[in-house]
Amino acid sequence: MKYDHHLTTAGWTDYELLDSGENMKLERFGSVVVARPETQALWKKLRPEMWDTAHAVFAFRDKRGGWDVRKPVPEPWEMSCGDANFSAALTGFKHTGVFPEQEPNWEWSAARVRAISQRLGTVSDGTMNRSDAPAVLNLFGYTGIASVVAAKAGAHVTHVDASRQSLDWAHDNARRSNIREDAIRWVFDDALSFAKREARRGVKYDGIILDPPAFGRGAKGEVWKIEENLPEMLETLHEIFRDMPGSFFLVNGYAAG
């Protein structure tokens, strides 16, 4: 039996990697072109003439990073992927709130949700009432595109994040995608603490999406260190995972301690 399944980004209209090299990458997010540091881009730039098209360049000065805005940039600006709509913005953390490398994960989880919905007979698009939708938990949900995509596929999503700003951003993305208010449960909490409470309550989820940072703080100041807390998190999630045909568990390992 083959267990490994490699997901690759097929590409989508509102995102394009224009060039990379010399520890930088040039990308188009919708109508805005940005240049950002990328330590793995060790080669020379292939299209150096394109870099002048950047609306903004992220650079580090005196150990602090910031955007050098060279052309007008809407704050925020609109983007979409499939039938999911969301906003992007220049943040102080080098990103735009949209993580294009996650696109195959969004599509994969949406396909799993649709398969469970068909089995349960509750096919929906996140805009209609449904009595028994697949339950999906998204921990460290951030700006919520994964939650929006899962809800559009027919899931009832519990979205957990310890940042009020991120929750507001994610909630706005859901509204932009015409997701019903009752299709996503918004939870301001520490991810591990919430998972432990769900385990004590005997709650089960058909799908779990986990995208943990290397380091973070919970809603009440709880400290998350991936090298220390990930094993306990996985053990806890095993307790609340509904081990049924079609159920899925998606872990993103981008951040490492």
Protein backbone atom coordinates (compact mmCIF):
# COMPACT_ATOMS: atom_id res chain seq x y z
CA MET A 1 0.00 0.00 0.00
CA LYS A 2 1.27 3.44 -0.91
CA TYR A 3 1.10 5.96 1.94
CA ASP A 4 2.94 9.03 0.62
CA HIS A 5 0.96 11.58 -1.34
CA HIS A 6 2.82 14.61 -2.69
CA LEU A 7 0.79 17.77 -3.24
CA THR A 8 2.00 20.33 -5.77
CA THR A 9 0.70 23.82 -6.52
CA ALA A 10 -1.03 23.87 -9.89
CA GLY A 11 -1.13 27.68 -10.03
CA TRP A 12 -4.04 30.07 -9.92
CA THR A 13 -5.01 33.35 -11.53
CA ASP A 14 -4.43 35.68 -8.57
CA TYR A 15 -0.94 34.49 -7.64
CA GLU A 16 2.27 34.28 -9.64
CA LEU A 17 5.91 33.75 -8.73
CA LEU A 18 7.56 36.14 -11.17
CA ASP A 19 11.22 35.61 -10.31
CA SER A 20 13.55 34.64 -7.49
CA GLY A 21 17.23 34.73 -6.62
CA GLU A 22 19.88 36.42 -4.49
CA ASN A 23 17.89 35.60 -1.33
CA MET A 24 14.74 37.32 -2.64
CA LYS A 25 11.52 36.39 -4.45
CA LEU A 26 9.27 38.53 -6.63
CA GLU A 27 5.57 37.67 -6.48
CA ARG A 28 2.23 38.94 -7.76
CA PHE A 29 -0.65 38.82 -5.29
CA GLY A 30 -3.67 39.84 -7.32
CA SER A 31 -2.92 43.32 -8.65
CA VAL A 32 0.04 43.96 -6.34
CA VAL A 33 3.65 42.89 -6.95
CA VAL A 34 5.90 42.47 -3.91
CA ALA A 35 9.53 41.53 -3.35
CA ARG A 36 10.36 39.62 -0.17
CA PRO A 37 13.38 37.88 1.39
CA GLU A 38 13.73 34.16 0.64
CA THR A 39 16.81 32.54 2.18
CA GLN A 40 16.49 29.44 -0.02
CA ALA A 41 16.77 31.43 -3.27
CA LEU A 42 20.54 31.11 -3.57
CA TRP A 43 20.81 31.51 -7.34
CA LYS A 44 21.02 34.62 -9.51
CA LYS A 45 17.85 36.45 -10.54
CA LEU A 46 16.62 35.22 -13.90
CA ARG A 47 14.68 38.36 -14.83
CA PRO A 48 16.39 41.30 -13.08
CA GLU A 49 14.51 43.82 -15.24
CA MET A 50 11.18 42.73 -13.68
CA TRP A 51 12.07 43.77 -10.15
CA ASP A 52 11.34 47.42 -10.84
CA THR A 53 7.66 46.48 -11.20
CA ALA A 54 7.39 45.82 -7.44
CA HIS A 55 4.83 47.92 -5.58
CA ALA A 56 6.60 47.18 -2.29
CA VAL A 57 9.88 45.62 -1.13
CA PHE A 58 10.38 44.09 2.32
CA ALA A 59 13.83 44.80 3.73
CA PHE A 60 15.62 44.41 7.06
CA ARG A 61 17.31 47.43 8.60
CA ASP A 62 18.98 47.39 12.00
CA LYS A 63 17.56 43.88 12.61
CA ARG A 64 14.01 45.15 12.01
CA GLY A 65 11.98 44.53 8.89
CA GLY A 66 9.58 46.76 7.04
CA TRP A 67 8.01 47.49 3.68
CA ASP A 68 9.44 50.07 1.31
CA VAL A 69 6.29 51.06 -0.60
CA ARG A 70 7.25 52.32 -4.05
CA LYS A 71 3.83 52.47 -5.71
CA PRO A 72 0.32 52.96 -4.30
CA VAL A 73 -0.96 49.79 -2.61
CA PRO A 74 -4.63 49.41 -1.58
CA GLU A 75 -5.08 48.41 2.06
CA PRO A 76 -6.39 45.81 1.86
CA TRP A 77 -6.78 44.54 -1.70
CA GLU A 78 -9.01 41.79 -3.11
CA MET A 79 -7.92 38.31 -4.13
CA SER A 80 -9.63 35.02 -4.91
CA CYS A 81 -8.84 31.35 -5.39
CA GLY A 82 -11.56 29.21 -6.90
CA ASP A 83 -14.82 30.33 -5.30
CA ALA A 84 -13.10 31.67 -2.15
CA ASN A 85 -12.67 35.43 -1.85
CA PHE A 86 -10.29 37.07 0.61
CA SER A 87 -8.17 40.14 1.23
CA ALA A 88 -4.43 40.70 1.28
CA ALA A 89 -2.42 43.39 3.04
CA LEU A 90 1.19 44.31 3.74
CA THR A 91 1.99 43.11 7.27
CA GLY A 92 4.97 43.69 9.50
CA PHE A 93 5.74 39.97 9.40
CA LYS A 94 6.91 39.92 5.76
CA HIS A 95 3.74 38.29 4.43
CA THR A 96 0.43 39.45 2.97
CA GLY A 97 -1.97 37.22 4.93
CA VAL A 98 -2.19 34.92 1.90
CA PHE A 99 0.06 31.87 1.76
CA PRO A 100 0.03 30.59 -1.82
CA GLU A 101 2.01 27.44 -1.03
CA GLN A 102 -1.07 26.27 0.88
CA GLU A 103 -3.26 26.17 -2.26
CA PRO A 104 -2.90 22.39 -2.79
CA ASN A 105 -3.75 21.86 0.89
CA TRP A 106 -6.92 23.94 0.47
CA GLU A 107 -7.97 21.90 -2.55
CA TRP A 108 -7.10 18.59 -0.90
CA SER A 109 -9.07 19.33 2.27
CA ALA A 110 -12.03 20.64 0.25
CA ALA A 111 -12.11 17.39 -1.72
CA ARG A 112 -12.08 15.41 1.54
CA VAL A 113 -14.96 17.50 2.91
CA ARG A 114 -17.02 16.99 -0.24
CA ALA A 115 -16.44 13.23 -0.04
CA ILE A 116 -17.61 13.13 3.59
CA SER A 117 -20.60 15.33 2.72
CA GLN A 118 -21.64 12.95 -0.03
CA ARG A 119 -21.37 10.02 2.36
CA LEU A 120 -23.50 11.86 4.93
CA GLY A 121 -25.89 13.22 2.33
CA THR A 122 -25.26 16.84 3.38
CA VAL A 123 -23.69 18.41 0.29
CA SER A 124 -23.58 22.22 0.63
CA ASP A 125 -21.52 25.22 -0.42
CA GLY A 126 -21.37 27.04 2.90
CA THR A 127 -24.21 29.40 1.98
CA MET A 128 -27.17 27.15 2.88
CA ASN A 129 -28.44 25.50 6.05
CA ARG A 130 -27.47 21.87 6.59
CA SER A 131 -28.38 19.56 9.44
CA ASP A 132 -25.35 17.28 9.71
CA ALA A 133 -22.31 18.82 8.01
CA PRO A 134 -18.82 17.36 8.40
CA ALA A 135 -17.10 18.88 11.43
CA VAL A 136 -13.68 20.39 10.67
CA LEU A 137 -11.28 21.89 13.22
CA ASN A 138 -8.74 24.46 12.01
CA LEU A 139 -6.11 25.21 14.67
CA PHE A 140 -3.80 28.22 14.37
CA GLY A 141 -6.28 29.27 11.67
CA TYR A 142 -4.81 32.75 11.13
CA THR A 143 -6.47 34.62 8.21
CA GLY A 144 -8.81 31.72 7.63
CA ILE A 145 -8.57 30.85 3.95
CA ALA A 146 -8.45 27.14 4.82
CA SER A 147 -11.59 27.61 6.93
CA VAL A 148 -13.37 29.46 4.13
CA VAL A 149 -12.49 26.79 1.57
CA ALA A 150 -13.65 23.98 3.89
CA ALA A 151 -16.92 25.80 4.62
CA LYS A 152 -17.51 26.39 0.91
CA ALA A 153 -17.03 22.64 0.41
CA GLY A 154 -19.78 21.92 2.94
CA ALA A 155 -18.09 21.67 6.34
CA HIS A 156 -19.05 23.20 9.65
CA VAL A 157 -15.71 24.68 10.71
CA THR A 158 -14.35 25.51 14.15
CA HIS A 159 -11.64 28.11 13.57
CA VAL A 160 -9.24 28.70 16.48
CA ASP A 161 -6.65 31.46 16.79
CA ALA A 162 -5.15 33.40 19.69
CA SER A 163 -5.01 36.72 17.81
CA ARG A 164 -8.07 38.98 17.74
CA GLN A 165 -6.69 40.74 14.67
CA SER A 166 -6.31 37.45 12.81
CA LEU A 167 -9.80 36.34 13.81
CA ASP A 168 -11.27 39.60 12.52
CA TRP A 169 -9.35 39.19 9.26
CA ALA A 170 -10.54 35.58 8.88
CA HIS A 171 -14.14 36.56 9.67
CA ASP A 172 -13.97 39.28 7.03
CA ASN A 173 -12.68 36.74 4.50
CA ALA A 174 -15.67 34.52 5.28
CA ARG A 175 -18.05 37.41 4.65
CA ARG A 176 -16.32 38.19 1.35
CA SER A 177 -16.99 34.57 0.33
CA ASN A 178 -20.67 34.75 1.36
CA ILE A 179 -20.24 32.12 4.05
CA ARG A 180 -23.20 31.81 6.42
CA GLU A 181 -22.47 33.11 9.93
CA ASP A 182 -23.33 29.70 11.43
CA ALA A 183 -21.04 27.79 9.05
CA ILE A 184 -17.88 28.79 10.95
CA ARG A 185 -17.47 28.94 14.72
CA TRP A 186 -14.89 31.57 15.64
CA VAL A 187 -12.86 30.79 18.78
CA PHE A 188 -10.37 33.17 20.41
CA ASP A 189 -8.23 30.77 22.40
CA ASP A 190 -4.94 28.97 22.80
CA ALA A 191 -4.97 26.06 20.35
CA LEU A 192 -3.68 23.39 22.73
CA SER A 193 -5.91 24.49 25.61
CA PHE A 194 -8.96 24.42 23.33
CA ALA A 195 -8.10 20.96 21.99
CA LYS A 196 -7.74 19.61 25.54
CA ARG A 197 -11.17 20.97 26.50
CA GLU A 198 -12.74 19.42 23.41
CA ALA A 199 -11.16 16.07 24.39
CA ARG A 200 -12.65 16.32 27.89
CA ARG A 201 -16.04 17.10 26.36
CA GLY A 202 -15.84 14.07 24.09
CA VAL A 203 -16.15 16.19 20.93
CA LYS A 204 -15.15 14.52 17.65
CA TYR A 205 -14.07 16.06 14.33
CA ASP A 206 -14.22 14.55 10.85
CA GLY A 207 -11.30 16.66 9.69
CA ILE A 208 -8.47 18.47 11.48
CA ILE A 209 -6.22 21.11 9.93
CA LEU A 210 -3.09 21.95 11.92
CA ASP A 211 -0.63 24.65 10.85
CA PRO A 212 1.46 25.36 13.96
CA PRO A 213 4.04 28.14 14.23
CA ALA A 214 7.50 27.51 15.63
CA PHE A 215 6.70 29.84 18.53
CA GLY A 216 3.59 31.65 19.68
CA ARG A 217 1.50 32.85 22.60
CA GLY A 218 -2.06 31.89 23.44
CA ALA A 219 -4.99 34.14 24.29
CA LYS A 220 -4.00 34.12 27.98
CA GLY A 221 -0.25 34.28 27.43
CA GLU A 222 0.29 30.53 27.08
CA VAL A 223 3.62 29.79 25.42
CA TRP A 224 3.75 27.50 22.38
CA LYS A 225 7.08 25.97 21.34
CA ILE A 226 6.71 23.48 18.52
CA GLU A 227 9.59 21.28 19.65
CA GLU A 228 8.05 20.97 23.13
CA ASN A 229 4.28 21.14 22.56
CA LEU A 230 3.67 19.41 19.22
CA PRO A 231 3.79 15.83 20.62
CA GLU A 232 1.19 16.70 23.27
CA MET A 233 -0.95 18.44 20.65
CA LEU A 234 -0.90 15.38 18.39
CA GLU A 235 -1.83 13.07 21.26
CA THR A 236 -4.74 15.35 22.17
CA LEU A 237 -5.96 15.60 18.59
CA HIS A 238 -5.92 11.81 18.33
CA GLU A 239 -8.57 11.82 21.07
CA ILE A 240 -10.91 14.15 19.19
CA PHE A 241 -10.36 12.73 15.70
CA ARG A 242 -13.30 10.73 14.38
CA ASP A 243 -11.62 7.63 12.96
CA MET A 244 -14.09 6.90 10.17
CA PRO A 245 -13.74 6.26 6.42
CA GLY A 246 -12.98 9.57 4.69
CA SER A 247 -11.92 11.46 7.82
CA PHE A 248 -8.73 13.48 7.34
CA PHE A 249 -5.89 15.00 9.34
CA LEU A 250 -3.79 17.65 7.57
CA VAL A 251 -0.58 18.88 9.22
CA ASN A 252 1.51 21.61 7.68
CA GLY A 253 5.17 21.48 8.70
CA TYR A 254 6.42 24.79 7.29
CA ALA A 255 7.56 26.13 10.68
CA ALA A 256 10.20 24.23 12.65
CA GLY A 257 11.69 24.84 16.06
